[in-house]
Amino acid sequence: MAGGFRRTPVDRVKGWSLRWTNGHCRRLSIWCGDPAQGTFVRHPDRCPPLDAPALVRELFLSIRLLSGYALPELPPDVHFVPLETMQKMICKGACRVRAFYLPGQGVYIDETIDVQNDTYSRSILLHELVHHLQHASGKFDTLPTACERWQAKEIEAYEIQHKYLKRLHATRSFIALDTVPITCPIADTAPASAAP
C-alpha cells in the first residue's frame, strides 16, 4: 500500500479500463487519482464525475465481464430526454417507461434518472446497453416469433442487470426476476426494450 490507499488492478480491453477492488467493480469516479502515486481516493465528491461516454464505456465493460458479450465497435447514442417524449414515442400517451433501446437510434432514458450517482439508475442504462449488444450480435434472431425474440432479450437483459446490482452489493435494489412481467409488446414495432 502506498500512501494508505490500496492499488487496484485494471482490466484493459481495446483501450477500455475498469477498476476492480476486492473483487468488486467500482465506478471510476469513485476510485480516482494516480495509482503510480498511490493517491486513489474513495470519495465521489472529490472525484470528477464521469461524462456520458465514459459511463457508457464502463457499463459495456461490466456487461462484458458479467456476460461475455464482446465490446461494441461503436457504442449507441444515449439520449437523456423528458419522460413525456419517451411516452409519446413508445406508448402514444402516458405509460410507465424509464428507458428503451431503438436499433439504429440508440438508448433513450428519462432525463430525471441519476445515472451518475445512483447504482440502480445506472443499472437501467446497463439493461438498455445489453439490448444494443443483443441487436449487434444477432443472438436471438433465429427464434421463430417476434414475441419469443423479445422475451428472450428481456429475460437476458434483466439477468445481466441483476448480476450487476448483486456485484455492487445493491441488495435493496435487486430485481425479483420471477416477478418481472415479460409479456410481448402489443405491436411488432415496439422497441427492443422499454424498462419499467
Protein backbone atom coordinates (compact mmCIF):
# COMPACT_ATOMS: atom_id res chain seq x y z
CA MET A 1 0.00 0.00 0.00
CA ALA A 2 1.26 3.40 -0.96
CA GLY A 3 0.07 6.48 0.85
CA GLY A 4 -2.54 4.48 2.79
CA PHE A 5 -4.53 3.58 -0.34
CA ARG A 6 -4.78 0.17 -1.89
CA ARG A 7 -3.81 -0.10 -5.54
CA THR A 8 -6.38 -1.78 -7.71
CA PRO A 9 -5.88 -3.93 -10.79
CA VAL A 10 -7.18 -2.58 -14.08
CA ASP A 11 -8.82 -4.67 -16.79
CA ARG A 12 -7.76 -3.41 -20.22
CA VAL A 13 -9.62 -4.44 -23.35
CA LYS A 14 -9.17 -2.48 -26.58
CA GLY A 15 -8.27 0.67 -24.66
CA TRP A 16 -11.13 0.37 -22.16
CA SER A 17 -10.41 0.16 -18.46
CA LEU A 18 -12.40 -0.68 -15.38
CA ARG A 19 -11.11 -0.78 -11.81
CA TRP A 20 -11.80 -3.70 -9.51
CA THR A 21 -11.31 -3.66 -5.77
CA ASN A 22 -11.67 -6.70 -3.55
CA GLY A 23 -13.33 -8.50 -6.47
CA HIS A 24 -16.00 -5.84 -6.91
CA CYS A 25 -16.34 -3.46 -9.80
CA ARG A 26 -16.19 0.18 -8.72
CA ARG A 27 -17.13 3.24 -10.71
CA LEU A 28 -14.12 5.07 -12.00
CA SER A 29 -15.44 8.28 -10.47
CA ILE A 30 -15.30 6.69 -7.03
CA TRP A 31 -11.75 5.37 -7.38
CA CYS A 32 -9.90 8.29 -8.87
CA GLY A 33 -6.36 9.54 -8.69
CA ASP A 34 -2.97 8.35 -9.83
CA PRO A 35 -2.16 4.73 -8.93
CA ALA A 36 1.55 5.34 -9.51
CA GLN A 37 1.44 7.98 -6.78
CA GLY A 38 -0.87 5.92 -4.53
CA THR A 39 -3.43 8.70 -4.49
CA PHE A 40 -6.61 6.73 -5.15
CA VAL A 41 -9.47 8.10 -3.08
CA ARG A 42 -12.88 6.65 -2.44
CA HIS A 43 -14.85 9.85 -2.19
CA PRO A 44 -17.25 10.64 -5.04
CA ASP A 45 -17.38 14.32 -4.04
CA ARG A 46 -13.60 14.59 -4.52
CA CYS A 47 -13.57 12.88 -7.92
CA PRO A 48 -14.62 14.35 -11.22
CA PRO A 49 -17.94 12.86 -12.42
CA LEU A 50 -17.87 10.51 -15.36
CA ASP A 51 -19.04 12.04 -18.60
CA ALA A 52 -21.68 10.09 -20.52
CA PRO A 53 -19.23 8.39 -22.95
CA ALA A 54 -17.01 7.26 -20.06
CA LEU A 55 -20.01 5.92 -18.16
CA VAL A 56 -21.21 4.02 -21.22
CA ARG A 57 -17.72 2.52 -21.69
CA GLU A 58 -17.68 1.47 -18.04
CA LEU A 59 -21.09 -0.17 -18.35
CA PHE A 60 -20.09 -2.04 -21.52
CA LEU A 61 -17.06 -3.38 -19.65
CA SER A 62 -19.33 -4.52 -16.83
CA ILE A 63 -21.61 -6.26 -19.34
CA ARG A 64 -18.60 -7.97 -20.92
CA LEU A 65 -17.33 -9.19 -17.56
CA LEU A 66 -20.77 -10.38 -16.45
CA SER A 67 -21.96 -11.97 -19.68
CA GLY A 68 -19.13 -12.43 -22.16
CA TYR A 69 -20.60 -10.15 -24.82
CA ALA A 70 -17.91 -8.55 -26.96
CA LEU A 71 -17.40 -4.82 -26.67
CA PRO A 72 -19.08 -2.90 -29.49
CA GLU A 73 -17.00 -1.24 -32.17
CA LEU A 74 -19.19 1.84 -31.78
CA PRO A 75 -21.42 2.49 -28.77
CA PRO A 76 -25.00 3.59 -29.40
CA ASP A 77 -26.12 7.16 -28.93
CA VAL A 78 -27.60 7.73 -25.47
CA HIS A 79 -30.36 10.33 -25.33
CA PHE A 80 -31.44 11.79 -21.98
CA VAL A 81 -34.93 13.08 -22.75
CA PRO A 82 -38.09 14.15 -20.90
CA LEU A 83 -40.41 11.35 -19.83
CA GLU A 84 -43.20 12.83 -21.96
CA THR A 85 -41.04 12.49 -25.08
CA MET A 86 -40.46 8.80 -24.38
CA GLN A 87 -44.13 8.22 -23.64
CA LYS A 88 -45.10 9.76 -26.99
CA MET A 89 -42.50 7.68 -28.82
CA ILE A 90 -43.39 4.33 -27.22
CA CYS A 91 -46.88 4.46 -25.77
CA LYS A 92 -48.55 7.28 -27.72
CA GLY A 93 -49.64 8.56 -24.30
CA ALA A 94 -48.92 8.23 -20.58
CA CYS A 95 -47.26 4.97 -19.52
CA ARG A 96 -44.60 3.61 -17.16
CA VAL A 97 -41.41 3.76 -19.18
CA ARG A 98 -37.99 4.75 -17.85
CA ALA A 99 -35.74 3.82 -20.76
CA PHE A 100 -35.73 1.94 -24.06
CA TYR A 101 -33.44 0.99 -26.93
CA LEU A 102 -34.21 1.53 -30.61
CA PRO A 103 -31.86 -0.16 -33.10
CA GLY A 104 -30.18 2.45 -35.26
CA GLN A 105 -31.22 5.29 -32.94
CA GLY A 106 -29.76 4.30 -29.59
CA VAL A 107 -30.87 4.38 -25.97
CA TYR A 108 -33.49 6.80 -24.69
CA ILE A 109 -33.53 7.34 -20.95
CA ASP A 110 -35.58 9.60 -18.70
CA GLU A 111 -33.55 12.74 -18.06
CA THR A 112 -34.52 12.68 -14.36
CA ILE A 113 -32.78 9.35 -13.79
CA ASP A 114 -29.49 9.94 -11.96
CA VAL A 115 -27.11 7.52 -13.68
CA GLN A 116 -24.11 9.37 -12.20
CA ASN A 117 -24.90 8.86 -8.54
CA ASP A 118 -27.43 6.04 -8.23
CA THR A 119 -26.48 2.39 -8.78
CA TYR A 120 -29.99 1.25 -9.66
CA SER A 121 -30.37 4.09 -12.17
CA ARG A 122 -27.06 3.08 -13.75
CA SER A 123 -28.36 -0.47 -13.97
CA ILE A 124 -31.30 0.76 -16.05
CA LEU A 125 -28.85 2.21 -18.59
CA LEU A 126 -26.84 -1.03 -18.45
CA HIS A 127 -30.03 -3.01 -19.21
CA GLU A 128 -30.60 -0.94 -22.36
CA LEU A 129 -26.97 -1.28 -23.43
CA VAL A 130 -27.41 -5.06 -23.22
CA HIS A 131 -30.15 -4.68 -25.83
CA HIS A 132 -27.69 -2.89 -28.10
CA LEU A 133 -25.27 -5.81 -27.81
CA GLN A 134 -28.05 -8.32 -28.40
CA HIS A 135 -29.05 -6.48 -31.56
CA ALA A 136 -25.45 -6.13 -32.78
CA SER A 137 -24.69 -9.81 -32.17
CA GLY A 138 -27.96 -11.14 -33.59
CA LYS A 139 -28.02 -13.60 -30.70
CA PHE A 140 -31.79 -14.11 -30.69
CA ASP A 141 -32.52 -13.51 -34.39
CA THR A 142 -33.19 -17.20 -35.09
CA LEU A 143 -36.06 -17.53 -32.62
CA PRO A 144 -39.27 -18.17 -34.59
CA THR A 145 -41.52 -15.31 -33.47
CA ALA A 146 -41.07 -11.66 -32.61
CA CYS A 147 -42.64 -12.39 -29.21
CA GLU A 148 -40.12 -15.13 -28.40
CA ARG A 149 -37.23 -12.92 -29.51
CA TRP A 150 -38.46 -10.03 -27.38
CA GLN A 151 -38.99 -12.26 -24.32
CA ALA A 152 -35.54 -13.86 -24.60
CA LYS A 153 -33.89 -10.43 -24.92
CA GLU A 154 -35.73 -9.06 -21.89
CA ILE A 155 -35.00 -12.08 -19.72
CA GLU A 156 -31.28 -11.94 -20.52
CA ALA A 157 -31.10 -8.15 -20.03
CA TYR A 158 -32.78 -8.44 -16.61
CA GLU A 159 -30.46 -11.30 -15.63
CA ILE A 160 -27.37 -9.22 -16.50
CA GLN A 161 -28.85 -6.18 -14.72
CA HIS A 162 -29.47 -8.35 -11.65
CA LYS A 163 -25.87 -9.68 -11.71
CA TYR A 164 -24.59 -6.10 -11.96
CA LEU A 165 -26.61 -4.99 -8.92
CA LYS A 166 -25.55 -8.09 -6.98
CA ARG A 167 -21.88 -7.50 -7.84
CA LEU A 168 -22.16 -3.96 -6.46
CA HIS A 169 -23.95 -5.21 -3.34
CA ALA A 170 -27.02 -3.13 -4.16
CA THR A 171 -29.26 -5.66 -2.44
CA ARG A 172 -32.04 -3.22 -1.70
CA SER A 173 -32.31 -2.60 -5.45
CA PHE A 174 -32.43 -6.24 -6.53
CA ILE A 175 -34.89 -7.13 -9.21
CA ALA A 176 -37.03 -10.11 -8.33
CA LEU A 177 -36.65 -11.81 -11.70
CA ASP A 178 -39.60 -14.12 -11.14
CA THR A 179 -41.87 -11.09 -10.65
CA VAL A 180 -40.84 -9.17 -13.78
CA PRO A 181 -43.74 -9.27 -16.24
CA ILE A 182 -42.12 -10.33 -19.51
CA THR A 183 -45.10 -10.18 -21.84
CA CYS A 184 -44.96 -9.42 -25.51
CA PRO A 185 -45.48 -5.86 -26.66
CA ILE A 186 -48.78 -5.17 -28.37
CA ALA A 187 -47.25 -4.15 -31.70
CA ASP A 188 -44.32 -5.60 -33.60
CA THR A 189 -42.99 -2.03 -33.92
CA ALA A 190 -42.26 -1.84 -30.19
CA PRO A 191 -38.65 -1.12 -29.23
CA ALA A 192 -36.21 -3.82 -28.25
CA SER A 193 -36.79 -2.77 -24.65
CA ALA A 194 -38.87 -0.50 -22.53
CA ALA A 195 -37.56 -0.74 -18.97
CA PRO A 196 -40.23 -0.36 -16.31
